[in-house]
Amino acid sequence: MLEPIKFEFQLNYSKKMLYNYISTPEKMAKWFADYVQSIGSRYICFWNGYEETCFLIQKKKEKSVRYKWEKFEEKKYYFEFLIQEKLFPKKLYLIITDFVKKNEIEQSKLWWQNKIKILKKRTES
């Protein structure tokens, strides 16, 4: 059984820029996967010769994007990027929701931390 987990990262981007990096295949390929191809709501993600398909199931402009991995038939399992702006002090956060096995929580945490490091590195240059 998979359990929901959330990770919160503070980022120094505009909402529009961050939204593009979590919602478009071209920008997702800069940090989330080596390459991302989309056909409608179907996104095929490639990592070192491995590929996995997910589907875009919900999108709110400059607010959130939710995907569901093809391997999970149940809709309750998804991963989501939520952009949250705190006004005082003004800061922008990316909140990631994922579903993982209990014994894989730490591994997932490290994976997402690494992905955010890549995002920051690729967007700073």
N, C-alpha and C. Protein backbone atom coordinates (compact mmCIF):
# COMPACT_ATOMS: atom_id res chain seq x y z
N MET A 1 0.84 -1.19 0.00
CA MET A 1 0.00 0.00 0.00
C MET A 1 0.88 1.25 0.00
N LEU A 2 0.47 2.22 -0.75
CA LEU A 2 1.22 3.47 -0.85
C LEU A 2 0.64 4.51 0.09
N GLU A 3 1.53 5.35 0.59
CA GLU A 3 1.13 6.41 1.51
C GLU A 3 1.46 7.78 0.92
N PRO A 4 0.62 8.78 1.17
CA PRO A 4 0.93 10.12 0.66
C PRO A 4 2.02 10.78 1.49
N ILE A 5 2.92 11.46 0.80
CA ILE A 5 3.95 12.25 1.47
C ILE A 5 4.01 13.60 0.78
N LYS A 6 4.43 14.62 1.53
CA LYS A 6 4.54 15.98 0.97
C LYS A 6 5.93 16.52 1.26
N PHE A 7 6.44 17.23 0.28
CA PHE A 7 7.72 17.91 0.42
C PHE A 7 7.51 19.36 0.04
N GLU A 8 8.15 20.26 0.77
CA GLU A 8 8.00 21.69 0.52
C GLU A 8 9.37 22.30 0.25
N PHE A 9 9.46 23.03 -0.86
CA PHE A 9 10.71 23.67 -1.25
C PHE A 9 10.47 25.15 -1.52
N GLN A 10 11.29 25.99 -0.93
CA GLN A 10 11.21 27.42 -1.20
C GLN A 10 12.02 27.71 -2.45
N LEU A 11 11.43 28.43 -3.38
CA LEU A 11 12.10 28.75 -4.65
C LEU A 11 11.96 30.23 -4.94
N ASN A 12 12.96 30.78 -5.59
CA ASN A 12 12.97 32.21 -5.92
C ASN A 12 12.64 32.42 -7.39
N TYR A 13 11.42 32.06 -7.77
CA TYR A 13 10.97 32.21 -9.14
C TYR A 13 9.64 32.94 -9.15
N SER A 14 9.25 33.38 -10.32
CA SER A 14 7.89 33.88 -10.47
C SER A 14 6.96 32.68 -10.57
N LYS A 15 5.69 32.88 -10.26
CA LYS A 15 4.72 31.79 -10.37
C LYS A 15 4.64 31.29 -11.81
N LYS A 16 4.68 32.20 -12.75
CA LYS A 16 4.59 31.83 -14.16
C LYS A 16 5.76 30.95 -14.58
N MET A 17 6.96 31.35 -14.20
CA MET A 17 8.14 30.57 -14.57
C MET A 17 8.09 29.18 -13.94
N LEU A 18 7.79 29.12 -12.66
CA LEU A 18 7.73 27.83 -11.97
C LEU A 18 6.65 26.94 -12.58
N TYR A 19 5.51 27.52 -12.89
CA TYR A 19 4.43 26.75 -13.49
C TYR A 19 4.86 26.13 -14.81
N ASN A 20 5.61 26.86 -15.62
CA ASN A 20 6.11 26.31 -16.88
C ASN A 20 7.03 25.12 -16.64
N TYR A 21 7.82 25.16 -15.58
CA TYR A 21 8.75 24.07 -15.29
C TYR A 21 8.06 22.82 -14.73
N ILE A 22 6.85 22.94 -14.27
CA ILE A 22 6.14 21.76 -13.76
C ILE A 22 5.03 21.28 -14.70
N SER A 23 4.78 22.03 -15.77
CA SER A 23 3.63 21.69 -16.62
C SER A 23 3.96 21.45 -18.09
N THR A 24 5.12 21.86 -18.57
CA THR A 24 5.43 21.68 -19.99
C THR A 24 6.53 20.64 -20.17
N PRO A 25 6.41 19.79 -21.19
CA PRO A 25 7.42 18.75 -21.41
C PRO A 25 8.82 19.32 -21.62
N GLU A 26 8.92 20.42 -22.35
CA GLU A 26 10.23 21.01 -22.63
C GLU A 26 10.93 21.43 -21.34
N LYS A 27 10.20 22.06 -20.45
CA LYS A 27 10.80 22.52 -19.19
C LYS A 27 10.98 21.37 -18.20
N MET A 28 10.08 20.40 -18.19
CA MET A 28 10.24 19.24 -17.30
C MET A 28 11.49 18.45 -17.67
N ALA A 29 11.84 18.45 -18.95
CA ALA A 29 13.04 17.73 -19.40
C ALA A 29 14.32 18.39 -18.90
N LYS A 30 14.24 19.59 -18.41
CA LYS A 30 15.43 20.27 -17.88
C LYS A 30 15.75 19.86 -16.45
N TRP A 31 14.78 19.21 -15.76
CA TRP A 31 15.04 18.87 -14.35
C TRP A 31 14.38 17.57 -13.89
N PHE A 32 13.20 17.26 -14.37
CA PHE A 32 12.46 16.11 -13.87
C PHE A 32 12.91 14.80 -14.51
N ALA A 33 13.17 14.82 -15.80
CA ALA A 33 13.60 13.63 -16.53
C ALA A 33 14.62 14.05 -17.58
N ASP A 34 15.27 13.06 -18.18
CA ASP A 34 16.24 13.36 -19.24
C ASP A 34 15.53 13.90 -20.48
N TYR A 35 14.34 13.37 -20.71
CA TYR A 35 13.55 13.78 -21.87
C TYR A 35 12.08 13.53 -21.54
N VAL A 36 11.21 14.41 -21.97
CA VAL A 36 9.77 14.24 -21.75
C VAL A 36 9.06 14.50 -23.07
N GLN A 37 8.26 13.54 -23.48
CA GLN A 37 7.49 13.67 -24.71
C GLN A 37 6.01 13.65 -24.34
N SER A 38 5.23 14.53 -24.93
CA SER A 38 3.80 14.53 -24.61
C SER A 38 2.97 14.35 -25.86
N ILE A 39 1.91 13.59 -25.68
CA ILE A 39 0.90 13.39 -26.72
C ILE A 39 -0.43 13.63 -26.02
N GLY A 40 -0.96 14.83 -26.18
CA GLY A 40 -2.16 15.19 -25.44
C GLY A 40 -1.87 15.22 -23.95
N SER A 41 -2.63 14.47 -23.18
CA SER A 41 -2.42 14.43 -21.73
C SER A 41 -1.46 13.33 -21.31
N ARG A 42 -0.93 12.60 -22.26
CA ARG A 42 0.02 11.51 -21.98
C ARG A 42 1.45 12.05 -22.04
N TYR A 43 2.20 11.85 -20.96
CA TYR A 43 3.59 12.29 -20.88
C TYR A 43 4.47 11.06 -20.72
N ILE A 44 5.44 10.91 -21.62
CA ILE A 44 6.38 9.79 -21.53
C ILE A 44 7.71 10.37 -21.05
N CYS A 45 8.16 9.89 -19.89
CA CYS A 45 9.37 10.39 -19.25
C CYS A 45 10.49 9.38 -19.41
N PHE A 46 11.67 9.85 -19.79
CA PHE A 46 12.82 8.98 -20.02
C PHE A 46 13.94 9.32 -19.05
N TRP A 47 14.54 8.29 -18.44
CA TRP A 47 15.70 8.41 -17.55
C TRP A 47 16.69 7.31 -17.89
N ASN A 48 17.86 7.66 -18.39
CA ASN A 48 18.94 6.69 -18.65
C ASN A 48 18.43 5.41 -19.31
N GLY A 49 17.67 5.52 -20.37
CA GLY A 49 17.18 4.36 -21.09
C GLY A 49 15.92 3.73 -20.51
N TYR A 50 15.45 4.23 -19.39
CA TYR A 50 14.22 3.72 -18.75
C TYR A 50 13.12 4.72 -19.05
N GLU A 51 11.93 4.24 -19.32
CA GLU A 51 10.82 5.16 -19.57
C GLU A 51 9.60 4.78 -18.75
N GLU A 52 8.84 5.80 -18.42
CA GLU A 52 7.60 5.60 -17.68
C GLU A 52 6.59 6.63 -18.16
N THR A 53 5.34 6.21 -18.24
CA THR A 53 4.27 7.07 -18.75
C THR A 53 3.38 7.56 -17.61
N CYS A 54 3.05 8.83 -17.68
CA CYS A 54 2.08 9.38 -16.74
C CYS A 54 1.06 10.19 -17.53
N PHE A 55 -0.04 10.49 -16.88
CA PHE A 55 -1.10 11.26 -17.52
C PHE A 55 -1.39 12.51 -16.72
N LEU A 56 -1.54 13.60 -17.42
CA LEU A 56 -1.95 14.86 -16.80
C LEU A 56 -3.43 14.73 -16.46
N ILE A 57 -3.76 14.79 -15.18
CA ILE A 57 -5.16 14.59 -14.79
C ILE A 57 -5.81 15.86 -14.23
N GLN A 58 -4.99 16.84 -13.89
CA GLN A 58 -5.56 18.10 -13.38
C GLN A 58 -4.54 19.21 -13.54
N LYS A 59 -5.03 20.38 -13.95
CA LYS A 59 -4.15 21.52 -14.19
C LYS A 59 -4.89 22.79 -13.80
N LYS A 60 -4.27 23.60 -12.95
CA LYS A 60 -4.81 24.91 -12.59
C LYS A 60 -3.72 25.93 -12.87
N LYS A 61 -3.97 26.79 -13.82
CA LYS A 61 -2.94 27.71 -14.31
C LYS A 61 -2.24 28.46 -13.18
N GLU A 62 -0.92 28.36 -13.19
CA GLU A 62 -0.02 29.00 -12.23
C GLU A 62 -0.32 28.62 -10.78
N LYS A 63 -1.01 27.47 -10.58
CA LYS A 63 -1.31 27.01 -9.22
C LYS A 63 -0.87 25.58 -8.97
N SER A 64 -1.30 24.66 -9.84
CA SER A 64 -0.97 23.26 -9.58
C SER A 64 -1.09 22.41 -10.84
N VAL A 65 -0.40 21.27 -10.79
CA VAL A 65 -0.46 20.27 -11.85
C VAL A 65 -0.44 18.91 -11.16
N ARG A 66 -1.34 18.03 -11.59
CA ARG A 66 -1.40 16.68 -11.02
C ARG A 66 -1.26 15.66 -12.14
N TYR A 67 -0.40 14.67 -11.90
CA TYR A 67 -0.15 13.59 -12.85
C TYR A 67 -0.45 12.25 -12.18
N LYS A 68 -0.77 11.25 -13.00
CA LYS A 68 -0.97 9.89 -12.51
C LYS A 68 -0.10 8.96 -13.33
N TRP A 69 0.71 8.16 -12.65
CA TRP A 69 1.54 7.18 -13.36
C TRP A 69 0.64 6.12 -13.98
N GLU A 70 0.97 5.71 -15.18
CA GLU A 70 0.18 4.70 -15.89
C GLU A 70 0.10 3.39 -15.11
N LYS A 71 1.16 3.04 -14.40
CA LYS A 71 1.21 1.76 -13.68
C LYS A 71 0.22 1.69 -12.52
N PHE A 72 -0.28 2.82 -12.07
CA PHE A 72 -1.25 2.84 -10.97
C PHE A 72 -2.65 3.04 -11.54
N GLU A 73 -3.44 2.01 -11.49
CA GLU A 73 -4.79 2.10 -12.04
C GLU A 73 -5.70 2.94 -11.15
N GLU A 74 -5.44 2.90 -9.85
CA GLU A 74 -6.29 3.65 -8.92
C GLU A 74 -5.97 5.15 -9.00
N LYS A 75 -6.99 5.96 -9.13
CA LYS A 75 -6.78 7.40 -9.25
C LYS A 75 -6.30 8.05 -7.96
N LYS A 76 -6.42 7.33 -6.86
CA LYS A 76 -6.01 7.95 -5.60
C LYS A 76 -4.49 8.09 -5.50
N TYR A 77 -3.75 7.42 -6.38
CA TYR A 77 -2.29 7.53 -6.39
C TYR A 77 -1.87 8.47 -7.51
N TYR A 78 -1.20 9.54 -7.15
CA TYR A 78 -0.80 10.55 -8.12
C TYR A 78 0.45 11.25 -7.60
N PHE A 79 1.01 12.14 -8.40
CA PHE A 79 1.98 13.09 -7.87
C PHE A 79 1.55 14.47 -8.34
N GLU A 80 1.75 15.43 -7.46
CA GLU A 80 1.22 16.77 -7.71
C GLU A 80 2.25 17.82 -7.35
N PHE A 81 2.28 18.86 -8.16
CA PHE A 81 3.08 20.05 -7.89
C PHE A 81 2.11 21.18 -7.58
N LEU A 82 2.25 21.75 -6.40
CA LEU A 82 1.38 22.85 -5.97
C LEU A 82 2.25 24.07 -5.71
N ILE A 83 1.91 25.18 -6.34
CA ILE A 83 2.63 26.43 -6.13
C ILE A 83 1.87 27.22 -5.06
N GLN A 84 2.58 27.56 -4.00
CA GLN A 84 1.95 28.29 -2.91
C GLN A 84 2.76 29.55 -2.64
N GLU A 85 2.06 30.66 -2.62
CA GLU A 85 2.70 31.95 -2.37
C GLU A 85 2.31 32.44 -0.98
N LYS A 86 3.32 32.76 -0.20
CA LYS A 86 3.08 33.33 1.12
C LYS A 86 3.41 34.81 1.02
N LEU A 87 2.50 35.64 1.46
CA LEU A 87 2.64 37.07 1.24
C LEU A 87 3.53 37.79 2.23
N PHE A 88 3.59 37.32 3.45
CA PHE A 88 4.42 38.03 4.42
C PHE A 88 5.24 37.06 5.24
N PRO A 89 6.52 37.00 5.08
CA PRO A 89 7.26 37.67 4.01
C PRO A 89 6.97 36.99 2.68
N LYS A 90 7.10 37.73 1.60
CA LYS A 90 6.75 37.21 0.28
C LYS A 90 7.73 36.12 -0.14
N LYS A 91 7.20 34.91 -0.25
CA LYS A 91 8.01 33.76 -0.65
C LYS A 91 7.15 32.82 -1.47
N LEU A 92 7.80 32.07 -2.35
CA LEU A 92 7.11 31.11 -3.20
C LEU A 92 7.59 29.71 -2.85
N TYR A 93 6.64 28.80 -2.73
CA TYR A 93 6.96 27.42 -2.37
C TYR A 93 6.40 26.47 -3.40
N LEU A 94 7.14 25.41 -3.65
CA LEU A 94 6.66 24.30 -4.45
C LEU A 94 6.40 23.16 -3.49
N ILE A 95 5.16 22.73 -3.42
CA ILE A 95 4.79 21.62 -2.54
C ILE A 95 4.51 20.41 -3.43
N ILE A 96 5.26 19.36 -3.19
CA ILE A 96 5.15 18.14 -3.99
C ILE A 96 4.45 17.08 -3.15
N THR A 97 3.40 16.51 -3.71
CA THR A 97 2.72 15.38 -3.08
C THR A 97 3.02 14.15 -3.92
N ASP A 98 3.41 13.08 -3.26
CA ASP A 98 3.73 11.83 -3.94
C ASP A 98 3.18 10.69 -3.10
N PHE A 99 3.08 9.52 -3.67
CA PHE A 99 2.63 8.33 -2.95
C PHE A 99 3.73 7.28 -3.05
N VAL A 100 4.18 6.79 -1.91
CA VAL A 100 5.27 5.82 -1.89
C VAL A 100 5.00 4.75 -0.83
N LYS A 101 5.75 3.65 -0.95
CA LYS A 101 5.69 2.62 0.08
C LYS A 101 6.36 3.16 1.33
N LYS A 102 5.91 2.69 2.47
CA LYS A 102 6.41 3.19 3.75
C LYS A 102 7.93 3.06 3.86
N ASN A 103 8.48 1.96 3.35
CA ASN A 103 9.92 1.73 3.44
C ASN A 103 10.72 2.49 2.38
N GLU A 104 10.04 3.29 1.54
CA GLU A 104 10.73 4.05 0.49
C GLU A 104 10.61 5.56 0.69
N ILE A 105 10.13 5.98 1.85
CA ILE A 105 9.93 7.42 2.10
C ILE A 105 11.25 8.18 2.03
N GLU A 106 12.27 7.69 2.69
CA GLU A 106 13.56 8.38 2.69
C GLU A 106 14.16 8.44 1.29
N GLN A 107 14.06 7.35 0.55
CA GLN A 107 14.56 7.30 -0.83
C GLN A 107 13.82 8.33 -1.70
N SER A 108 12.52 8.42 -1.52
CA SER A 108 11.73 9.39 -2.28
C SER A 108 12.12 10.82 -1.91
N LYS A 109 12.32 11.05 -0.64
CA LYS A 109 12.74 12.38 -0.17
C LYS A 109 14.05 12.79 -0.83
N LEU A 110 15.02 11.89 -0.87
CA LEU A 110 16.31 12.17 -1.50
C LEU A 110 16.15 12.41 -3.00
N TRP A 111 15.29 11.63 -3.63
CA TRP A 111 15.07 11.76 -5.07
C TRP A 111 14.51 13.15 -5.39
N TRP A 112 13.48 13.57 -4.65
CA TRP A 112 12.88 14.89 -4.89
C TRP A 112 13.84 16.02 -4.55
N GLN A 113 14.62 15.88 -3.49
CA GLN A 113 15.61 16.90 -3.16
C GLN A 113 16.62 17.05 -4.29
N ASN A 114 17.03 15.93 -4.86
CA ASN A 114 17.97 15.96 -5.98
C ASN A 114 17.33 16.62 -7.20
N LYS A 115 16.09 16.31 -7.47
CA LYS A 115 15.40 16.93 -8.61
C LYS A 115 15.30 18.45 -8.44
N ILE A 116 15.02 18.91 -7.24
CA ILE A 116 14.94 20.35 -6.99
C ILE A 116 16.31 21.00 -7.12
N LYS A 117 17.37 20.32 -6.70
CA LYS A 117 18.73 20.85 -6.90
C LYS A 117 19.02 21.02 -8.38
N ILE A 118 18.61 20.04 -9.18
CA ILE A 118 18.80 20.13 -10.63
C ILE A 118 17.99 21.29 -11.19
N LEU A 119 16.76 21.44 -10.75
CA LEU A 119 15.91 22.56 -11.20
C LEU A 119 16.59 23.89 -10.90
N LYS A 120 17.08 24.05 -9.69
CA LYS A 120 17.74 25.31 -9.32
C LYS A 120 18.99 25.54 -10.16
N LYS A 121 19.78 24.51 -10.35
CA LYS A 121 21.02 24.64 -11.12
C LYS A 121 20.73 25.00 -12.58
N ARG A 122 19.76 24.36 -13.17
CA ARG A 122 19.45 24.60 -14.59
C ARG A 122 18.79 25.94 -14.83
N THR A 123 18.10 26.47 -13.84
CA THR A 123 17.41 27.75 -14.03
C THR A 123 18.27 28.94 -13.65
N GLU A 124 19.35 28.69 -12.93
CA GLU A 124 20.24 29.79 -12.55
C GLU A 124 21.19 30.17 -13.66
N SER A 125 21.45 29.23 -14.58
CA SER A 125 22.42 29.53 -15.65
C SER A 125 21.75 30.09 -16.87
